[in-house]
Amino acid sequence: MQFIKHDLGQLSGGETAEVTITNAANVRLLNSDNFLKYRSGRPHRYNGGHYKESPVRFKIPRAGHWYVVVDLGGYAGEVGSSIRVLSAEAVSG
C-alpha cells in the first residue's frame, strides 16, 4: 500500500499535530510500535480515520516517537499532505 509518512520524532505529549490534506484521505496518528505494524500490514492501533476536509488535528496523548500516515485505503487517486506540530502553549494560548 502506498502512503505518505510524516515522522514527528520524539514528542513530550500535549502538542497538537495539524495535518493539511489536498483530497479526502485516511489520516492516522501512530506511535512507533504501531507504525511498524501498519507498515507491515498487521493490526494496529491509531487515532484518526477518514477525513474529507482539513486541517485535521490530533493531540499527542503522551511522550514518545510519533508518526502521521496519510493514505487512500487502496483506492485510486492522489493526495498531498503537510504537517506542523504546535506546542501545547501555542494551542492553549
N, C-alpha and C. Protein backbone atom coordinates (compact mmCIF):
# COMPACT_ATOMS: atom_id res chain seq x y z
N MET A 1 0.84 -1.18 0.00
CA MET A 1 0.00 0.00 0.00
C MET A 1 0.89 1.24 0.00
N GLN A 2 0.49 2.23 -0.77
CA GLN A 2 1.22 3.48 -0.79
C GLN A 2 0.69 4.40 0.29
N PHE A 3 1.60 5.13 0.92
CA PHE A 3 1.20 6.07 1.96
C PHE A 3 2.24 7.16 2.07
N ILE A 4 1.82 8.26 2.67
CA ILE A 4 2.72 9.36 2.99
C ILE A 4 3.02 9.27 4.47
N LYS A 5 4.30 9.28 4.82
CA LYS A 5 4.72 9.20 6.22
C LYS A 5 5.28 10.55 6.65
N HIS A 6 4.78 11.04 7.78
CA HIS A 6 5.33 12.22 8.42
C HIS A 6 5.91 11.77 9.76
N ASP A 7 7.22 11.81 9.88
CA ASP A 7 7.91 11.41 11.11
C ASP A 7 7.97 12.63 12.02
N LEU A 8 7.19 12.60 13.10
CA LEU A 8 7.14 13.74 14.02
C LEU A 8 8.28 13.71 15.03
N GLY A 9 8.97 12.58 15.12
CA GLY A 9 10.07 12.46 16.06
C GLY A 9 9.57 12.28 17.49
N GLN A 10 10.46 12.52 18.42
CA GLN A 10 10.16 12.37 19.84
C GLN A 10 9.40 13.60 20.33
N LEU A 11 8.23 13.37 20.90
CA LEU A 11 7.41 14.46 21.43
C LEU A 11 7.12 14.21 22.90
N SER A 12 6.83 15.27 23.62
CA SER A 12 6.61 15.18 25.07
C SER A 12 5.20 14.76 25.44
N GLY A 13 4.24 15.01 24.56
CA GLY A 13 2.83 14.80 24.88
C GLY A 13 2.20 16.15 25.16
N GLY A 14 1.00 16.35 24.67
CA GLY A 14 0.31 17.62 24.84
C GLY A 14 0.39 18.51 23.62
N GLU A 15 1.34 18.27 22.73
CA GLU A 15 1.42 19.03 21.50
C GLU A 15 0.24 18.66 20.59
N THR A 16 0.03 19.46 19.55
CA THR A 16 -1.01 19.18 18.56
C THR A 16 -0.37 19.03 17.19
N ALA A 17 -0.66 17.94 16.52
CA ALA A 17 -0.23 17.74 15.13
C ALA A 17 -1.37 18.22 14.25
N GLU A 18 -1.09 19.18 13.38
CA GLU A 18 -2.08 19.73 12.47
C GLU A 18 -1.73 19.30 11.05
N VAL A 19 -2.61 18.53 10.44
CA VAL A 19 -2.37 17.94 9.13
C VAL A 19 -3.28 18.60 8.10
N THR A 20 -2.69 19.02 6.99
CA THR A 20 -3.45 19.57 5.87
C THR A 20 -3.40 18.56 4.73
N ILE A 21 -4.58 18.21 4.20
CA ILE A 21 -4.66 17.26 3.08
C ILE A 21 -5.28 17.96 1.87
N THR A 22 -4.87 17.51 0.68
CA THR A 22 -5.39 18.12 -0.55
C THR A 22 -6.67 17.47 -1.05
N ASN A 23 -6.92 16.23 -0.65
CA ASN A 23 -8.12 15.48 -1.04
C ASN A 23 -8.53 14.60 0.14
N ALA A 24 -9.72 14.03 0.07
CA ALA A 24 -10.18 13.12 1.11
C ALA A 24 -9.19 11.97 1.25
N ALA A 25 -8.91 11.59 2.50
CA ALA A 25 -7.92 10.54 2.75
C ALA A 25 -8.06 10.00 4.16
N ASN A 26 -7.42 8.86 4.39
CA ASN A 26 -7.28 8.33 5.74
C ASN A 26 -6.07 9.00 6.38
N VAL A 27 -6.25 9.50 7.59
CA VAL A 27 -5.16 10.16 8.31
C VAL A 27 -5.07 9.49 9.68
N ARG A 28 -3.86 8.99 10.00
CA ARG A 28 -3.67 8.25 11.26
C ARG A 28 -2.50 8.82 12.05
N LEU A 29 -2.68 8.92 13.36
CA LEU A 29 -1.60 9.23 14.29
C LEU A 29 -1.20 7.93 14.96
N LEU A 30 0.09 7.57 14.84
CA LEU A 30 0.58 6.28 15.35
C LEU A 30 1.85 6.48 16.16
N ASN A 31 1.99 5.68 17.23
CA ASN A 31 3.29 5.64 17.91
C ASN A 31 4.21 4.74 17.10
N SER A 32 5.48 4.66 17.48
CA SER A 32 6.46 3.94 16.66
C SER A 32 6.13 2.45 16.53
N ASP A 33 5.67 1.82 17.61
CA ASP A 33 5.33 0.40 17.56
C ASP A 33 4.19 0.14 16.58
N ASN A 34 3.15 0.96 16.66
CA ASN A 34 2.01 0.78 15.77
C ASN A 34 2.31 1.20 14.34
N PHE A 35 3.23 2.13 14.14
CA PHE A 35 3.65 2.45 12.78
C PHE A 35 4.31 1.24 12.12
N LEU A 36 5.17 0.53 12.86
CA LEU A 36 5.80 -0.67 12.31
C LEU A 36 4.76 -1.73 11.95
N LYS A 37 3.73 -1.89 12.79
CA LYS A 37 2.65 -2.83 12.49
C LYS A 37 1.88 -2.39 11.25
N TYR A 38 1.54 -1.11 11.17
CA TYR A 38 0.83 -0.57 10.00
C TYR A 38 1.62 -0.85 8.73
N ARG A 39 2.91 -0.52 8.76
CA ARG A 39 3.77 -0.66 7.58
C ARG A 39 3.86 -2.11 7.11
N SER A 40 3.78 -3.05 8.06
CA SER A 40 3.86 -4.46 7.67
C SER A 40 2.49 -5.10 7.45
N GLY A 41 1.43 -4.29 7.52
CA GLY A 41 0.09 -4.80 7.22
C GLY A 41 -0.57 -5.55 8.36
N ARG A 42 -0.02 -5.44 9.56
CA ARG A 42 -0.60 -6.12 10.73
C ARG A 42 -1.61 -5.21 11.43
N PRO A 43 -2.48 -5.80 12.25
CA PRO A 43 -3.42 -4.97 13.02
C PRO A 43 -2.65 -3.98 13.90
N HIS A 44 -3.19 -2.76 13.99
CA HIS A 44 -2.53 -1.70 14.74
C HIS A 44 -3.57 -0.77 15.35
N ARG A 45 -3.12 0.01 16.32
CA ARG A 45 -3.99 0.99 16.97
C ARG A 45 -3.57 2.38 16.54
N TYR A 46 -4.54 3.25 16.39
CA TYR A 46 -4.25 4.61 15.94
C TYR A 46 -5.38 5.55 16.32
N ASN A 47 -5.10 6.84 16.27
CA ASN A 47 -6.12 7.86 16.36
C ASN A 47 -6.32 8.38 14.94
N GLY A 48 -7.55 8.61 14.56
CA GLY A 48 -7.81 9.16 13.23
C GLY A 48 -8.92 8.44 12.52
N GLY A 49 -8.89 8.54 11.20
CA GLY A 49 -9.94 7.94 10.38
C GLY A 49 -9.93 8.56 9.00
N HIS A 50 -11.10 8.55 8.35
CA HIS A 50 -11.24 9.11 7.00
C HIS A 50 -11.72 10.55 7.12
N TYR A 51 -11.00 11.46 6.48
CA TYR A 51 -11.32 12.88 6.55
C TYR A 51 -11.51 13.43 5.15
N LYS A 52 -12.52 14.30 5.00
CA LYS A 52 -12.79 14.94 3.71
C LYS A 52 -12.29 16.38 3.68
N GLU A 53 -12.06 16.96 4.85
CA GLU A 53 -11.64 18.35 4.94
C GLU A 53 -10.46 18.46 5.89
N SER A 54 -9.71 19.52 5.73
CA SER A 54 -8.60 19.77 6.62
C SER A 54 -8.66 21.22 7.09
N PRO A 55 -7.94 21.56 8.13
CA PRO A 55 -6.92 20.74 8.77
C PRO A 55 -7.53 19.69 9.71
N VAL A 56 -6.77 18.62 9.89
CA VAL A 56 -7.09 17.56 10.83
C VAL A 56 -6.14 17.75 12.00
N ARG A 57 -6.66 17.75 13.21
CA ARG A 57 -5.82 17.99 14.38
C ARG A 57 -5.85 16.79 15.33
N PHE A 58 -4.66 16.42 15.80
CA PHE A 58 -4.51 15.35 16.79
C PHE A 58 -3.72 15.89 17.97
N LYS A 59 -4.24 15.68 19.16
CA LYS A 59 -3.46 16.00 20.35
C LYS A 59 -2.56 14.79 20.64
N ILE A 60 -1.28 15.02 20.83
CA ILE A 60 -0.34 13.95 21.13
C ILE A 60 -0.61 13.49 22.57
N PRO A 61 -1.02 12.23 22.76
CA PRO A 61 -1.51 11.79 24.07
C PRO A 61 -0.43 11.60 25.14
N ARG A 62 0.80 11.27 24.73
CA ARG A 62 1.85 11.00 25.74
C ARG A 62 3.21 11.09 25.06
N ALA A 63 4.24 11.10 25.87
CA ALA A 63 5.60 11.17 25.35
C ALA A 63 5.91 9.93 24.52
N GLY A 64 6.67 10.12 23.45
CA GLY A 64 7.08 9.01 22.61
C GLY A 64 7.42 9.49 21.22
N HIS A 65 7.76 8.54 20.36
CA HIS A 65 8.07 8.83 18.96
C HIS A 65 6.79 8.65 18.17
N TRP A 66 6.38 9.65 17.40
CA TRP A 66 5.08 9.66 16.74
C TRP A 66 5.20 9.85 15.23
N TYR A 67 4.21 9.30 14.53
CA TYR A 67 4.11 9.40 13.08
C TYR A 67 2.68 9.77 12.71
N VAL A 68 2.54 10.48 11.60
CA VAL A 68 1.24 10.66 10.96
C VAL A 68 1.35 10.01 9.59
N VAL A 69 0.36 9.19 9.25
CA VAL A 69 0.33 8.49 7.97
C VAL A 69 -0.94 8.91 7.22
N VAL A 70 -0.77 9.21 5.94
CA VAL A 70 -1.89 9.58 5.08
C VAL A 70 -1.95 8.58 3.93
N ASP A 71 -3.12 7.99 3.70
CA ASP A 71 -3.27 7.04 2.59
C ASP A 71 -4.69 7.10 2.03
N LEU A 72 -4.87 6.46 0.90
CA LEU A 72 -6.18 6.42 0.24
C LEU A 72 -6.89 5.09 0.45
N GLY A 73 -6.37 4.25 1.33
CA GLY A 73 -7.01 2.97 1.63
C GLY A 73 -7.08 2.03 0.45
N GLY A 74 -6.14 2.12 -0.47
CA GLY A 74 -6.13 1.25 -1.64
C GLY A 74 -6.91 1.78 -2.82
N TYR A 75 -7.64 2.88 -2.65
CA TYR A 75 -8.40 3.45 -3.76
C TYR A 75 -7.48 4.26 -4.66
N ALA A 76 -7.91 4.42 -5.92
CA ALA A 76 -7.14 5.20 -6.88
C ALA A 76 -7.28 6.68 -6.56
N GLY A 77 -6.27 7.43 -6.94
CA GLY A 77 -6.31 8.87 -6.74
C GLY A 77 -5.00 9.38 -6.20
N GLU A 78 -4.97 10.64 -5.93
CA GLU A 78 -3.78 11.28 -5.39
C GLU A 78 -4.15 12.14 -4.20
N VAL A 79 -3.23 12.24 -3.27
CA VAL A 79 -3.41 13.12 -2.13
C VAL A 79 -2.05 13.68 -1.76
N GLY A 80 -2.05 14.91 -1.37
CA GLY A 80 -0.86 15.54 -0.83
C GLY A 80 -1.13 15.92 0.61
N SER A 81 -0.08 16.10 1.38
CA SER A 81 -0.29 16.48 2.77
C SER A 81 0.91 17.26 3.29
N SER A 82 0.64 18.05 4.29
CA SER A 82 1.69 18.75 5.01
C SER A 82 1.31 18.73 6.48
N ILE A 83 2.29 18.98 7.33
CA ILE A 83 2.03 18.87 8.77
C ILE A 83 2.85 19.90 9.51
N ARG A 84 2.31 20.33 10.63
CA ARG A 84 3.07 21.15 11.56
C ARG A 84 2.69 20.72 12.97
N VAL A 85 3.64 20.81 13.87
CA VAL A 85 3.42 20.44 15.25
C VAL A 85 3.38 21.73 16.07
N LEU A 86 2.28 21.91 16.80
CA LEU A 86 2.09 23.10 17.62
C LEU A 86 2.33 22.72 19.07
N SER A 87 3.06 23.56 19.78
CA SER A 87 3.29 23.30 21.20
C SER A 87 1.98 23.42 21.97
N ALA A 88 1.93 22.83 23.15
CA ALA A 88 0.74 22.91 23.99
C ALA A 88 0.44 24.37 24.32
N GLU A 89 1.47 25.17 24.52
CA GLU A 89 1.28 26.59 24.85
C GLU A 89 0.67 27.35 23.67
N ALA A 90 1.09 27.03 22.45
CA ALA A 90 0.57 27.72 21.27
C ALA A 90 -0.91 27.42 21.05
N VAL A 91 -1.32 26.19 21.37
CA VAL A 91 -2.72 25.80 21.18
C VAL A 91 -3.61 26.43 22.25
N SER A 92 -3.14 26.44 23.50
CA SER A 92 -3.97 26.94 24.61
C SER A 92 -3.91 28.45 24.75
N GLY A 93 -2.86 29.07 24.23
CA GLY A 93 -2.65 30.49 24.43
C GLY A 93 -3.13 31.29 23.30
